[in-house]
């Protein structure tokens, strides 16, 4: 359950059944592909429910080099669900 800390009566329960697969890259980075229903955070999207197929990547130092990239599906802002 996710709760708006400023207004605790505003909550949402989510069914999160998705999976992540991570792939080491030749340059030492990691590409992650998610499928299904996942809860992720991203600098551009914030805390988001993603349904479908998406990816993101980090370089060898752990820096985000590819933000949330949706290949098929939809995103839903958690803020919109608990505001």
N, C-alpha and C. Protein backbone atom coordinates (compact mmCIF):
# COMPACT_ATOMS: atom_id res chain seq x y z
N UNK A 1 0.85 -1.16 0.00
CA UNK A 1 0.00 0.00 0.00
C UNK A 1 0.90 1.23 0.00
N UNK A 2 0.54 2.19 -0.82
CA UNK A 2 1.26 3.47 -0.89
C UNK A 2 0.35 4.54 -0.30
N UNK A 3 0.96 5.41 0.51
CA UNK A 3 0.19 6.42 1.23
C UNK A 3 0.78 7.80 1.00
N UNK A 4 -0.07 8.78 0.79
CA UNK A 4 0.32 10.18 0.72
C UNK A 4 0.64 10.61 2.15
N UNK A 5 1.91 10.90 2.46
CA UNK A 5 2.29 11.23 3.84
C UNK A 5 1.68 12.53 4.32
N UNK A 6 1.33 13.43 3.42
CA UNK A 6 0.69 14.69 3.81
C UNK A 6 -0.81 14.54 4.06
N UNK A 7 -1.41 13.52 3.44
CA UNK A 7 -2.83 13.24 3.62
C UNK A 7 -2.99 11.72 3.72
N UNK A 8 -2.73 11.14 4.90
CA UNK A 8 -2.70 9.68 5.06
C UNK A 8 -3.98 8.96 4.66
N UNK A 9 -5.08 9.67 4.55
CA UNK A 9 -6.31 9.01 4.11
C UNK A 9 -6.28 8.67 2.62
N UNK A 10 -5.35 9.28 1.89
CA UNK A 10 -5.22 9.01 0.45
C UNK A 10 -4.18 7.92 0.25
N UNK A 11 -4.67 6.75 -0.13
CA UNK A 11 -3.83 5.57 -0.28
C UNK A 11 -4.22 4.81 -1.54
N UNK A 12 -3.31 3.96 -1.99
CA UNK A 12 -3.62 3.08 -3.11
C UNK A 12 -2.89 1.75 -2.89
N UNK A 13 -3.59 0.67 -3.17
CA UNK A 13 -2.99 -0.67 -3.14
C UNK A 13 -2.76 -1.09 -4.59
N UNK A 14 -1.59 -1.61 -4.86
CA UNK A 14 -1.25 -2.02 -6.22
C UNK A 14 -0.83 -3.48 -6.25
N UNK A 15 -1.19 -4.15 -7.30
CA UNK A 15 -0.76 -5.52 -7.54
C UNK A 15 0.48 -5.44 -8.43
N UNK A 16 1.65 -5.71 -7.86
CA UNK A 16 2.92 -5.60 -8.58
C UNK A 16 3.43 -7.01 -8.84
N UNK A 17 3.26 -7.48 -10.07
CA UNK A 17 3.61 -8.87 -10.40
C UNK A 17 4.69 -8.96 -11.47
N UNK A 18 5.30 -7.84 -11.82
CA UNK A 18 6.27 -7.82 -12.91
C UNK A 18 7.63 -8.39 -12.51
N UNK A 19 8.47 -8.51 -13.51
CA UNK A 19 9.82 -9.03 -13.30
C UNK A 19 10.84 -8.12 -13.99
N UNK A 20 12.06 -8.18 -13.48
CA UNK A 20 13.19 -7.47 -14.08
C UNK A 20 14.22 -8.49 -14.53
N UNK A 21 14.84 -8.24 -15.66
CA UNK A 21 16.00 -9.02 -16.12
C UNK A 21 17.12 -8.02 -16.36
N UNK A 22 18.29 -8.28 -15.79
CA UNK A 22 19.43 -7.38 -15.95
C UNK A 22 20.50 -8.05 -16.79
N UNK A 23 21.09 -7.25 -17.68
CA UNK A 23 22.09 -7.76 -18.61
C UNK A 23 23.35 -6.92 -18.49
N UNK A 24 24.47 -7.57 -18.15
CA UNK A 24 25.76 -6.88 -18.11
C UNK A 24 26.15 -6.48 -19.52
N UNK A 25 26.64 -5.25 -19.66
CA UNK A 25 27.05 -4.72 -20.95
C UNK A 25 28.57 -4.76 -21.08
N UNK A 26 29.08 -4.81 -22.31
CA UNK A 26 30.53 -4.89 -22.53
C UNK A 26 31.32 -3.75 -21.88
N UNK A 27 30.70 -2.57 -21.73
CA UNK A 27 31.40 -1.43 -21.13
C UNK A 27 31.32 -1.42 -19.61
N UNK A 28 30.75 -2.47 -19.02
CA UNK A 28 30.64 -2.56 -17.57
C UNK A 28 29.32 -2.07 -17.02
N UNK A 29 28.48 -1.51 -17.87
CA UNK A 29 27.17 -1.04 -17.45
C UNK A 29 26.17 -2.18 -17.35
N UNK A 30 24.96 -1.84 -16.99
CA UNK A 30 23.89 -2.83 -16.85
C UNK A 30 22.63 -2.30 -17.52
N UNK A 31 22.05 -3.10 -18.39
CA UNK A 31 20.76 -2.82 -19.02
C UNK A 31 19.72 -3.67 -18.31
N UNK A 32 18.64 -3.04 -17.87
CA UNK A 32 17.56 -3.76 -17.20
C UNK A 32 16.30 -3.65 -18.03
N UNK A 33 15.65 -4.79 -18.24
CA UNK A 33 14.38 -4.85 -18.96
C UNK A 33 13.32 -5.35 -17.98
N UNK A 34 12.22 -4.62 -17.91
CA UNK A 34 11.11 -5.01 -17.06
C UNK A 34 9.90 -5.38 -17.89
N UNK A 35 9.14 -6.33 -17.40
CA UNK A 35 7.89 -6.72 -18.04
C UNK A 35 6.83 -6.92 -16.98
N UNK A 36 5.58 -6.77 -17.38
CA UNK A 36 4.47 -6.94 -16.45
C UNK A 36 4.15 -5.65 -15.74
N UNK A 37 3.75 -5.75 -14.48
CA UNK A 37 3.39 -4.57 -13.66
C UNK A 37 4.49 -4.34 -12.64
N UNK A 38 5.19 -3.21 -12.77
CA UNK A 38 6.31 -2.90 -11.90
C UNK A 38 6.17 -1.50 -11.33
N UNK A 39 6.72 -1.30 -10.15
CA UNK A 39 6.79 0.01 -9.53
C UNK A 39 8.24 0.47 -9.63
N UNK A 40 8.45 1.59 -10.32
CA UNK A 40 9.80 2.10 -10.53
C UNK A 40 9.84 3.59 -10.21
N UNK A 41 11.05 4.09 -10.01
CA UNK A 41 11.25 5.53 -9.88
C UNK A 41 12.25 5.97 -10.94
N UNK A 42 12.02 7.14 -11.47
CA UNK A 42 12.83 7.65 -12.57
C UNK A 42 12.87 9.18 -12.45
N UNK A 43 14.01 9.81 -12.78
CA UNK A 43 14.09 11.27 -12.66
C UNK A 43 13.00 12.01 -13.44
N UNK A 44 12.64 11.52 -14.60
CA UNK A 44 11.64 12.21 -15.42
C UNK A 44 10.21 11.83 -15.04
N UNK A 45 9.99 10.59 -14.66
CA UNK A 45 8.64 10.10 -14.39
C UNK A 45 8.27 10.13 -12.92
N UNK A 46 9.25 10.16 -12.02
CA UNK A 46 8.97 10.05 -10.59
C UNK A 46 8.59 8.61 -10.26
N UNK A 47 7.86 8.43 -9.17
CA UNK A 47 7.40 7.11 -8.77
C UNK A 47 6.23 6.73 -9.68
N UNK A 48 6.40 5.61 -10.38
CA UNK A 48 5.50 5.28 -11.48
C UNK A 48 5.16 3.79 -11.51
N UNK A 49 3.90 3.49 -11.78
CA UNK A 49 3.48 2.13 -12.09
C UNK A 49 3.65 1.95 -13.60
N UNK A 50 4.45 0.97 -13.99
CA UNK A 50 4.66 0.70 -15.41
C UNK A 50 4.05 -0.66 -15.72
N UNK A 51 3.19 -0.68 -16.72
CA UNK A 51 2.57 -1.92 -17.17
C UNK A 51 3.00 -2.15 -18.61
N UNK A 52 3.66 -3.28 -18.85
CA UNK A 52 4.13 -3.58 -20.20
C UNK A 52 5.61 -3.91 -20.19
N UNK A 53 6.29 -3.49 -21.25
CA UNK A 53 7.73 -3.75 -21.41
C UNK A 53 8.47 -2.42 -21.45
N UNK A 54 9.55 -2.33 -20.66
CA UNK A 54 10.33 -1.11 -20.58
C UNK A 54 11.77 -1.46 -20.26
N UNK A 55 12.63 -0.46 -20.36
CA UNK A 55 14.04 -0.67 -20.01
C UNK A 55 14.63 0.59 -19.40
N UNK A 56 15.77 0.42 -18.76
CA UNK A 56 16.60 1.51 -18.28
C UNK A 56 18.01 0.97 -18.14
N UNK A 57 19.01 1.87 -18.08
CA UNK A 57 20.40 1.41 -18.05
C UNK A 57 21.27 2.31 -17.19
N UNK A 58 22.28 1.69 -16.57
CA UNK A 58 23.28 2.38 -15.77
C UNK A 58 24.65 2.11 -16.34
N UNK A 59 25.56 3.08 -16.21
CA UNK A 59 26.94 2.85 -16.64
C UNK A 59 27.69 2.10 -15.54
N UNK A 60 28.96 1.85 -15.76
CA UNK A 60 29.75 1.04 -14.83
C UNK A 60 29.95 1.72 -13.47
N UNK A 61 29.70 3.02 -13.39
CA UNK A 61 29.81 3.75 -12.12
C UNK A 61 28.47 3.87 -11.40
N UNK A 62 27.42 3.30 -11.98
CA UNK A 62 26.10 3.36 -11.37
C UNK A 62 25.29 4.59 -11.72
N UNK A 63 25.74 5.34 -12.72
CA UNK A 63 25.01 6.52 -13.17
C UNK A 63 23.94 6.12 -14.19
N UNK A 64 22.76 6.68 -14.06
CA UNK A 64 21.68 6.41 -15.01
C UNK A 64 22.06 7.01 -16.36
N UNK A 65 22.13 6.18 -17.40
CA UNK A 65 22.47 6.67 -18.74
C UNK A 65 21.30 6.54 -19.71
N UNK A 66 20.33 5.74 -19.36
CA UNK A 66 19.09 5.63 -20.14
C UNK A 66 17.96 5.54 -19.15
N UNK A 67 17.18 6.60 -19.07
CA UNK A 67 16.04 6.60 -18.17
C UNK A 67 14.96 5.65 -18.64
N UNK A 68 13.90 5.61 -17.92
CA UNK A 68 12.77 4.75 -18.23
C UNK A 68 12.36 4.92 -19.69
N UNK A 69 12.43 3.83 -20.43
CA UNK A 69 12.09 3.84 -21.85
C UNK A 69 11.01 2.78 -22.08
N UNK A 70 9.83 3.22 -22.40
CA UNK A 70 8.69 2.33 -22.59
C UNK A 70 8.70 1.79 -24.01
N UNK A 71 8.72 0.45 -24.15
CA UNK A 71 8.63 -0.16 -25.48
C UNK A 71 7.19 -0.51 -25.85
N UNK A 72 6.43 -0.93 -24.87
CA UNK A 72 5.02 -1.26 -25.10
C UNK A 72 4.31 -1.21 -23.75
N UNK A 73 3.19 -0.55 -23.69
CA UNK A 73 2.45 -0.49 -22.45
C UNK A 73 2.12 0.92 -22.05
N UNK A 74 2.04 1.14 -20.72
CA UNK A 74 1.66 2.46 -20.23
C UNK A 74 2.29 2.74 -18.88
N UNK A 75 2.35 4.02 -18.54
CA UNK A 75 2.82 4.44 -17.23
C UNK A 75 1.68 5.17 -16.52
N UNK A 76 1.67 5.03 -15.19
CA UNK A 76 0.70 5.73 -14.36
C UNK A 76 1.44 6.36 -13.20
N UNK A 77 1.36 7.66 -13.07
CA UNK A 77 2.01 8.37 -11.98
C UNK A 77 1.38 7.99 -10.66
N UNK A 78 2.19 7.58 -9.69
CA UNK A 78 1.64 7.26 -8.37
C UNK A 78 1.07 8.51 -7.72
N UNK A 79 1.72 9.66 -7.96
CA UNK A 79 1.20 10.91 -7.42
C UNK A 79 -0.24 11.16 -7.83
N UNK A 80 -0.57 10.84 -9.07
CA UNK A 80 -1.94 11.05 -9.53
C UNK A 80 -2.94 10.12 -8.85
N UNK A 81 -2.45 9.02 -8.31
CA UNK A 81 -3.33 8.06 -7.63
C UNK A 81 -3.57 8.41 -6.17
N UNK A 82 -2.65 9.18 -5.56
CA UNK A 82 -2.79 9.47 -4.13
C UNK A 82 -2.85 10.96 -3.81
N UNK A 83 -3.05 11.79 -4.82
CA UNK A 83 -3.20 13.23 -4.56
C UNK A 83 -4.64 13.56 -4.23
